[in-house]
Amino acid sequence: MVYIIGNKVRNSANPMWSEGKPYVRESIYEIKDSKLPPVNYDRHTFSPHSITHCESSKHINNSGNTIDVLFENKPDIFFGDCLVLKFKNELSEINNYNCIKIITLGELKDKLSAFEVIPRKILITVENYPENSDGYHSEEFIVVLNEEAAEYLVNVCDINLFGTTWKSTDYQPGKLERPIHEIIFRKAVIFELLTLNHVPEGIYFFSGIPLYVEFMIECPVTPILIKR
């Protein structure tokens, strides 16, 4: 069984950040009678943070690695055994617009205790998270780890890849700090805006090979999970 866990990118997709449209397709050549060249050929422009993407430590640190460097030196980061964890959908209201679920160390340990072997790649979400009109985890229903849980994943589980269905690994409105990103990036790459509502909790083979582009910090990707 193969699960596609990256959402289809559409020209009509809505931005999640102040970056304009996440995807634009422009025609360069079209097949027309008696006209050269006889091909259809498009230009594709991406703003990756509003679509399924992976990101490297240079995202928050000028001295961090770019994705191409990680891919050259540690390609196995981007494929291998992976654990999908689904936490209870217990969101607390922040204001009239947003609710939040902060996953604690205790909750994380309870989930991990059900598995004899913990892979180095871990994807998290909540059960039956609401989706927006583009099919992504709704922005208003925030799911993040607390710092203790993130430290546990890095120091005890020794993860090299972390993924979430929400649009970010941190929720720090109005602040410069990105503490969960900083912790995770010590050992791992991050995948955001995954789609996991259709995937049961458990262990899979993960593949999320990035585009091999020089200096790439955030990269559009279509990861998959394969049930053994």
C-alpha atoms as a PDB file:
ATOM      1  CA  MET A   1       0.000   0.000   0.000  1.00  0.00           C
ATOM      2  CA  VAL A   2       1.371   3.387  -1.036  1.00  0.00           C
ATOM      3  CA  TYR A   3       0.185   6.638   0.555  1.00  0.00           C
ATOM      4  CA  ILE A   4       0.885   9.982  -1.113  1.00  0.00           C
ATOM      5  CA  ILE A   5       1.384  12.416   1.782  1.00  0.00           C
ATOM      6  CA  GLY A   6       2.105  15.565  -0.203  1.00  0.00           C
ATOM      7  CA  ASN A   7      -0.879  17.548  -1.389  1.00  0.00           C
ATOM      8  CA  LYS A   8      -1.550  18.243  -5.060  1.00  0.00           C
ATOM      9  CA  VAL A   9      -0.291  21.730  -5.967  1.00  0.00           C
ATOM     10  CA  ARG A  10      -2.862  23.785  -7.836  1.00  0.00           C
ATOM     11  CA  ASN A  11      -2.602  27.093  -9.654  1.00  0.00           C
ATOM     12  CA  SER A  12      -5.592  28.252  -7.576  1.00  0.00           C
ATOM     13  CA  ALA A  13      -3.914  27.439  -4.224  1.00  0.00           C
ATOM     14  CA  ASN A  14      -4.145  30.100  -1.512  1.00  0.00           C
ATOM     15  CA  PRO A  15      -1.103  31.554   0.282  1.00  0.00           C
ATOM     16  CA  MET A  16      -0.574  30.689   3.945  1.00  0.00           C
ATOM     17  CA  TRP A  17       2.082  33.323   4.505  1.00  0.00           C
ATOM     18  CA  SER A  18       2.710  36.827   3.142  1.00  0.00           C
ATOM     19  CA  GLU A  19       4.517  35.502   0.093  1.00  0.00           C
ATOM     20  CA  GLY A  20       1.950  35.743  -2.678  1.00  0.00           C
ATOM     21  CA  LYS A  21       0.618  32.771  -4.608  1.00  0.00           C
ATOM     22  CA  PRO A  22       2.305  29.480  -3.686  1.00  0.00           C
ATOM     23  CA  TYR A  23       2.308  28.279  -7.286  1.00  0.00           C
ATOM     24  CA  VAL A  24       2.038  29.940 -10.687  1.00  0.00           C
ATOM     25  CA  ARG A  25       2.110  28.177 -14.060  1.00  0.00           C
ATOM     26  CA  GLU A  26       2.889  30.272 -17.151  1.00  0.00           C
ATOM     27  CA  SER A  27       2.875  29.070 -20.745  1.00  0.00           C
ATOM     28  CA  ILE A  28       6.118  29.571 -22.662  1.00  0.00           C
ATOM     29  CA  TYR A  29       5.214  27.589 -25.821  1.00  0.00           C
ATOM     30  CA  GLU A  30       1.923  26.140 -27.013  1.00  0.00           C
ATOM     31  CA  ILE A  31       1.287  23.728 -29.876  1.00  0.00           C
ATOM     32  CA  LYS A  32      -0.329  25.721 -32.685  1.00  0.00           C
ATOM     33  CA  ASP A  33      -0.988  24.905 -36.332  1.00  0.00           C
ATOM     34  CA  SER A  34       1.986  25.655 -38.590  1.00  0.00           C
ATOM     35  CA  LYS A  35       3.960  27.309 -35.811  1.00  0.00           C
ATOM     36  CA  LEU A  36       7.320  26.367 -34.297  1.00  0.00           C
ATOM     37  CA  PRO A  37       8.304  24.959 -31.915  1.00  0.00           C
ATOM     38  CA  PRO A  38       5.756  22.098 -31.947  1.00  0.00           C
ATOM     39  CA  VAL A  39       5.674  21.679 -28.152  1.00  0.00           C
ATOM     40  CA  ASN A  40       3.791  22.624 -25.010  1.00  0.00           C
ATOM     41  CA  TYR A  41       6.211  24.026 -22.440  1.00  0.00           C
ATOM     42  CA  ASP A  42       5.479  25.872 -19.186  1.00  0.00           C
ATOM     43  CA  ARG A  43       7.313  27.888 -16.561  1.00  0.00           C
ATOM     44  CA  HIS A  44       6.555  26.873 -12.959  1.00  0.00           C
ATOM     45  CA  THR A  45       7.124  29.239 -10.026  1.00  0.00           C
ATOM     46  CA  PHE A  46       6.868  28.025  -6.427  1.00  0.00           C
ATOM     47  CA  SER A  47       6.727  29.705  -3.023  1.00  0.00           C
ATOM     48  CA  PRO A  48       7.257  26.472  -1.091  1.00  0.00           C
ATOM     49  CA  HIS A  49       6.097  27.521   2.361  1.00  0.00           C
ATOM     50  CA  SER A  50       2.419  27.344   1.377  1.00  0.00           C
ATOM     51  CA  ILE A  51       2.649  23.821  -0.093  1.00  0.00           C
ATOM     52  CA  THR A  52       4.096  20.512   1.104  1.00  0.00           C
ATOM     53  CA  HIS A  53       7.822  21.137   1.535  1.00  0.00           C
ATOM     54  CA  CYS A  54      11.009  20.178   3.321  1.00  0.00           C
ATOM     55  CA  GLU A  55      13.365  22.690   4.869  1.00  0.00           C
ATOM     56  CA  SER A  56      16.925  22.743   6.175  1.00  0.00           C
ATOM     57  CA  SER A  57      18.582  24.493   9.098  1.00  0.00           C
ATOM     58  CA  LYS A  58      19.503  27.507   6.953  1.00  0.00           C
ATOM     59  CA  HIS A  59      15.801  28.353   7.153  1.00  0.00           C
ATOM     60  CA  ILE A  60      16.402  29.909  10.585  1.00  0.00           C
ATOM     61  CA  ASN A  61      20.200  30.121  10.786  1.00  0.00           C
ATOM     62  CA  ASN A  62      22.499  31.859   8.297  1.00  0.00           C
ATOM     63  CA  SER A  63      25.266  29.366   9.093  1.00  0.00           C
ATOM     64  CA  GLY A  64      23.011  26.338   8.613  1.00  0.00           C
ATOM     65  CA  ASN A  65      23.058  23.807   5.774  1.00  0.00           C
ATOM     66  CA  THR A  66      21.071  24.017   2.569  1.00  0.00           C
ATOM     67  CA  ILE A  67      19.074  21.023   1.338  1.00  0.00           C
ATOM     68  CA  ASP A  68      21.432  20.207  -1.530  1.00  0.00           C
ATOM     69  CA  VAL A  69      24.385  19.931   0.900  1.00  0.00           C
ATOM     70  CA  LEU A  70      22.422  17.579   3.156  1.00  0.00           C
ATOM     71  CA  PHE A  71      21.361  15.496   0.168  1.00  0.00           C
ATOM     72  CA  GLU A  72      24.955  15.207  -1.043  1.00  0.00           C
ATOM     73  CA  ASN A  73      26.393  14.217   2.338  1.00  0.00           C
ATOM     74  CA  LYS A  74      23.534  12.321   4.006  1.00  0.00           C
ATOM     75  CA  PRO A  75      21.048  11.205   1.322  1.00  0.00           C
ATOM     76  CA  ASP A  76      19.543   8.534   3.620  1.00  0.00           C
ATOM     77  CA  ILE A  77      17.970  11.346   5.645  1.00  0.00           C
ATOM     78  CA  PHE A  78      15.341  11.537   2.936  1.00  0.00           C
ATOM     79  CA  PHE A  79      14.302   7.865   2.854  1.00  0.00           C
ATOM     80  CA  GLY A  80      13.944   4.962   5.281  1.00  0.00           C
ATOM     81  CA  ASP A  81      11.726   3.629   8.043  1.00  0.00           C
ATOM     82  CA  CYS A  82       9.317   6.173   9.472  1.00  0.00           C
ATOM     83  CA  LEU A  83       6.806   6.321  12.334  1.00  0.00           C
ATOM     84  CA  VAL A  84       3.478   8.140  11.971  1.00  0.00           C
ATOM     85  CA  LEU A  85       2.016   9.276  15.309  1.00  0.00           C
ATOM     86  CA  LYS A  86      -1.545  10.547  15.696  1.00  0.00           C
ATOM     87  CA  PHE A  87      -2.445  12.337  18.914  1.00  0.00           C
ATOM     88  CA  LYS A  88      -5.907  12.996  20.311  1.00  0.00           C
ATOM     89  CA  ASN A  89      -7.643  15.945  18.708  1.00  0.00           C
ATOM     90  CA  GLU A  90      -7.867  17.960  21.937  1.00  0.00           C
ATOM     91  CA  LEU A  91      -7.388  21.555  20.892  1.00  0.00           C
ATOM     92  CA  SER A  92      -7.661  24.477  23.296  1.00  0.00           C
ATOM     93  CA  GLU A  93      -9.110  27.779  22.085  1.00  0.00           C
ATOM     94  CA  ILE A  94      -6.628  30.661  21.907  1.00  0.00           C
ATOM     95  CA  ASN A  95      -8.987  33.308  20.527  1.00  0.00           C
ATOM     96  CA  ASN A  96     -11.985  33.577  18.222  1.00  0.00           C
ATOM     97  CA  TYR A  97      -9.895  32.386  15.275  1.00  0.00           C
ATOM     98  CA  ASN A  98      -7.352  29.843  16.502  1.00  0.00           C
ATOM     99  CA  CYS A  99      -7.164  26.654  18.550  1.00  0.00           C
ATOM    100  CA  ILE A 100      -3.966  24.873  19.576  1.00  0.00           C
ATOM    101  CA  LYS A 101      -2.730  21.410  20.544  1.00  0.00           C
ATOM    102  CA  ILE A 102       0.687  21.401  22.230  1.00  0.00           C
ATOM    103  CA  ILE A 103       2.074  17.859  22.397  1.00  0.00           C
ATOM    104  CA  THR A 104       3.818  17.261  25.708  1.00  0.00           C
ATOM    105  CA  LEU A 105       6.688  14.940  26.554  1.00  0.00           C
ATOM    106  CA  GLY A 106       4.316  12.687  28.507  1.00  0.00           C
ATOM    107  CA  GLU A 107       1.965  12.317  25.542  1.00  0.00           C
ATOM    108  CA  LEU A 108       4.898  11.630  23.238  1.00  0.00           C
ATOM    109  CA  LYS A 109       6.351   8.943  25.517  1.00  0.00           C
ATOM    110  CA  ASP A 110       2.933   7.266  25.848  1.00  0.00           C
ATOM    111  CA  LYS A 111       2.669   7.033  22.065  1.00  0.00           C
ATOM    112  CA  LEU A 112       6.217   5.790  21.578  1.00  0.00           C
ATOM    113  CA  SER A 113       5.812   3.094  24.236  1.00  0.00           C
ATOM    114  CA  ALA A 114       3.547   1.139  21.864  1.00  0.00           C
ATOM    115  CA  PHE A 115       6.439   0.509  19.472  1.00  0.00           C
ATOM    116  CA  GLU A 116       9.392  -1.789  20.138  1.00  0.00           C
ATOM    117  CA  VAL A 117      11.664  -0.032  17.633  1.00  0.00           C
ATOM    118  CA  ILE A 118      11.547   3.725  17.036  1.00  0.00           C
ATOM    119  CA  PRO A 119      12.663   4.782  13.528  1.00  0.00           C
ATOM    120  CA  ARG A 120      14.760   7.907  13.061  1.00  0.00           C
ATOM    121  CA  LYS A 121      12.001   9.556  11.045  1.00  0.00           C
ATOM    122  CA  ILE A 122       8.852  10.650  12.889  1.00  0.00           C
ATOM    123  CA  LEU A 123       5.737  12.377  11.506  1.00  0.00           C
ATOM    124  CA  ILE A 124       3.147  13.857  13.861  1.00  0.00           C
ATOM    125  CA  THR A 125      -0.421  15.067  13.610  1.00  0.00           C
ATOM    126  CA  VAL A 126      -3.744  14.839  15.427  1.00  0.00           C
ATOM    127  CA  GLU A 127      -6.632  12.524  14.588  1.00  0.00           C
ATOM    128  CA  ASN A 128      -9.029  13.903  11.983  1.00  0.00           C
ATOM    129  CA  TYR A 129      -7.545  17.382  11.764  1.00  0.00           C
ATOM    130  CA  PRO A 130      -9.713  19.876   9.834  1.00  0.00           C
ATOM    131  CA  GLU A 131      -8.632  20.711   6.295  1.00  0.00           C
ATOM    132  CA  ASN A 132      -8.782  24.002   4.411  1.00  0.00           C
ATOM    133  CA  SER A 133     -10.181  24.486   0.911  1.00  0.00           C
ATOM    134  CA  ASP A 134      -6.862  23.386  -0.643  1.00  0.00           C
ATOM    135  CA  GLY A 135      -6.820  20.108   1.326  1.00  0.00           C
ATOM    136  CA  TYR A 136      -4.089  21.100   3.792  1.00  0.00           C
ATOM    137  CA  HIS A 137      -4.272  21.041   7.581  1.00  0.00           C
ATOM    138  CA  SER A 138      -6.274  24.161   8.461  1.00  0.00           C
ATOM    139  CA  GLU A 139      -4.153  27.091   9.629  1.00  0.00           C
ATOM    140  CA  GLU A 140      -6.518  27.865  12.500  1.00  0.00           C
ATOM    141  CA  PHE A 141      -5.996  24.461  14.191  1.00  0.00           C
ATOM    142  CA  ILE A 142      -2.396  24.631  15.408  1.00  0.00           C
ATOM    143  CA  VAL A 143      -0.425  21.475  16.303  1.00  0.00           C
ATOM    144  CA  VAL A 144       3.092  21.779  17.718  1.00  0.00           C
ATOM    145  CA  LEU A 145       5.479  20.029  20.117  1.00  0.00           C
ATOM    146  CA  ASN A 146       6.608  21.590  23.348  1.00  0.00           C
ATOM    147  CA  GLU A 147      10.341  22.018  23.890  1.00  0.00           C
ATOM    148  CA  GLU A 148      10.682  18.960  26.165  1.00  0.00           C
ATOM    149  CA  ALA A 149       9.084  16.712  23.534  1.00  0.00           C
ATOM    150  CA  ALA A 150      11.305  18.139  20.803  1.00  0.00           C
ATOM    151  CA  GLU A 151      14.435  17.617  22.938  1.00  0.00           C
ATOM    152  CA  TYR A 152      13.383  14.003  23.532  1.00  0.00           C
ATOM    153  CA  LEU A 153      13.030  13.320  19.809  1.00  0.00           C
ATOM    154  CA  VAL A 154      16.462  14.776  19.100  1.00  0.00           C
ATOM    155  CA  ASN A 155      18.443  13.467  22.077  1.00  0.00           C
ATOM    156  CA  VAL A 156      16.784  10.121  22.889  1.00  0.00           C
ATOM    157  CA  CYS A 157      15.184   9.037  19.604  1.00  0.00           C
ATOM    158  CA  ASP A 158      18.055  10.537  17.580  1.00  0.00           C
ATOM    159  CA  ILE A 159      15.721  11.504  14.731  1.00  0.00           C
ATOM    160  CA  ASN A 160      17.056  12.698  11.389  1.00  0.00           C
ATOM    161  CA  LEU A 161      13.678  13.706   9.923  1.00  0.00           C
ATOM    162  CA  PHE A 162      10.636  15.336  11.520  1.00  0.00           C
ATOM    163  CA  GLY A 163       7.324  16.005   9.815  1.00  0.00           C
ATOM    164  CA  THR A 164       4.052  17.711  10.669  1.00  0.00           C
ATOM    165  CA  THR A 165       0.736  18.275   8.942  1.00  0.00           C
ATOM    166  CA  TRP A 166       0.507  21.852  10.214  1.00  0.00           C
ATOM    167  CA  LYS A 167       2.046  24.749   8.294  1.00  0.00           C
ATOM    168  CA  SER A 168       4.924  25.238  10.747  1.00  0.00           C
ATOM    169  CA  THR A 169       6.927  23.427  13.427  1.00  0.00           C
ATOM    170  CA  ASP A 170       6.640  26.458  15.755  1.00  0.00           C
ATOM    171  CA  TYR A 171       3.862  28.720  16.936  1.00  0.00           C
ATOM    172  CA  GLN A 172       5.506  31.948  18.118  1.00  0.00           C
ATOM    173  CA  PRO A 173       3.299  34.825  16.895  1.00  0.00           C
ATOM    174  CA  GLY A 174       5.039  38.183  17.012  1.00  0.00           C
ATOM    175  CA  LYS A 175       8.337  36.719  18.229  1.00  0.00           C
ATOM    176  CA  LEU A 176      11.730  36.320  16.583  1.00  0.00           C
ATOM    177  CA  GLU A 177      12.501  33.004  18.269  1.00  0.00           C
ATOM    178  CA  ARG A 178      11.815  29.609  16.653  1.00  0.00           C
ATOM    179  CA  PRO A 179      12.725  27.246  19.522  1.00  0.00           C
ATOM    180  CA  ILE A 180      11.243  23.996  18.175  1.00  0.00           C
ATOM    181  CA  HIS A 181      12.845  24.530  14.770  1.00  0.00           C
ATOM    182  CA  GLU A 182      16.181  25.168  16.482  1.00  0.00           C
ATOM    183  CA  ILE A 183      15.976  21.948  18.496  1.00  0.00           C
ATOM    184  CA  ILE A 184      14.881  19.762  15.586  1.00  0.00           C
ATOM    185  CA  PHE A 185      17.452  21.224  13.192  1.00  0.00           C
ATOM    186  CA  ARG A 186      20.303  20.049  15.427  1.00  0.00           C
ATOM    187  CA  LYS A 187      19.810  16.560  13.991  1.00  0.00           C
ATOM    188  CA  ALA A 188      16.995  16.530  11.444  1.00  0.00           C
ATOM    189  CA  VAL A 189      15.364  18.058   8.393  1.00  0.00           C
ATOM    190  CA  ILE A 190      11.772  19.213   8.677  1.00  0.00           C
ATOM    191  CA  PHE A 191       8.788  18.425   6.447  1.00  0.00           C
ATOM    192  CA  GLU A 192       5.673  20.606   6.823  1.00  0.00           C
ATOM    193  CA  LEU A 193       2.145  20.624   5.400  1.00  0.00           C
ATOM    194  CA  LEU A 194       2.032  16.851   5.048  1.00  0.00           C
ATOM    195  CA  THR A 195      -1.341  15.165   4.497  1.00  0.00           C
ATOM    196  CA  LEU A 196      -1.937  12.301   6.930  1.00  0.00           C
ATOM    197  CA  ASN A 197      -5.688  12.097   7.582  1.00  0.00           C
ATOM    198  CA  HIS A 198      -5.868   9.043   5.303  1.00  0.00           C
ATOM    199  CA  VAL A 199      -2.836   7.303   6.860  1.00  0.00           C
ATOM    200  CA  PRO A 200      -3.218   4.975   9.893  1.00  0.00           C
ATOM    201  CA  GLU A 201      -0.753   5.355  12.731  1.00  0.00           C
ATOM    202  CA  GLY A 202       2.222   3.010  12.431  1.00  0.00           C
ATOM    203  CA  ILE A 203       5.571   2.295  10.809  1.00  0.00           C
ATOM    204  CA  TYR A 204       6.166   2.764   7.069  1.00  0.00           C
ATOM    205  CA  PHE A 205       8.953   3.191   4.552  1.00  0.00           C
ATOM    206  CA  PHE A 206       9.264   6.913   3.797  1.00  0.00           C
ATOM    207  CA  SER A 207      10.592   8.527   0.634  1.00  0.00           C
ATOM    208  CA  GLY A 208      10.800  12.306   0.258  1.00  0.00           C
ATOM    209  CA  ILE A 209      13.605  13.040  -2.206  1.00  0.00           C
ATOM    210  CA  PRO A 210      14.052  16.806  -2.658  1.00  0.00           C
ATOM    211  CA  LEU A 211      14.730  18.624  -5.894  1.00  0.00           C
ATOM    212  CA  TYR A 212      18.509  18.686  -6.305  1.00  0.00           C
ATOM    213  CA  VAL A 213      18.814  22.463  -6.576  1.00  0.00           C
ATOM    214  CA  GLU A 214      21.818  24.518  -5.488  1.00  0.00           C
ATOM    215  CA  PHE A 215      21.289  26.693  -2.388  1.00  0.00           C
ATOM    216  CA  MET A 216      17.740  25.394  -1.822  1.00  0.00           C
ATOM    217  CA  ILE A 217      16.491  26.155   1.715  1.00  0.00           C
ATOM    218  CA  GLU A 218      12.802  25.218   1.340  1.00  0.00           C
ATOM    219  CA  CYS A 219      11.963  22.660  -1.329  1.00  0.00           C
ATOM    220  CA  PRO A 220       8.621  21.514  -2.783  1.00  0.00           C
ATOM    221  CA  VAL A 221       8.350  17.754  -2.411  1.00  0.00           C
ATOM    222  CA  THR A 222       5.804  14.956  -2.817  1.00  0.00           C
ATOM    223  CA  PRO A 223       6.700  12.416  -0.110  1.00  0.00           C
ATOM    224  CA  ILE A 224       5.196   8.942   0.050  1.00  0.00           C
ATOM    225  CA  LEU A 225       4.756   6.265   2.677  1.00  0.00           C
ATOM    226  CA  ILE A 226       4.880   2.561   1.784  1.00  0.00           C
ATOM    227  CA  LYS A 227       3.313   0.004   4.101  1.00  0.00           C
ATOM    228  CA  ARG A 228       5.528  -3.063   4.270  1.00  0.00           C
END
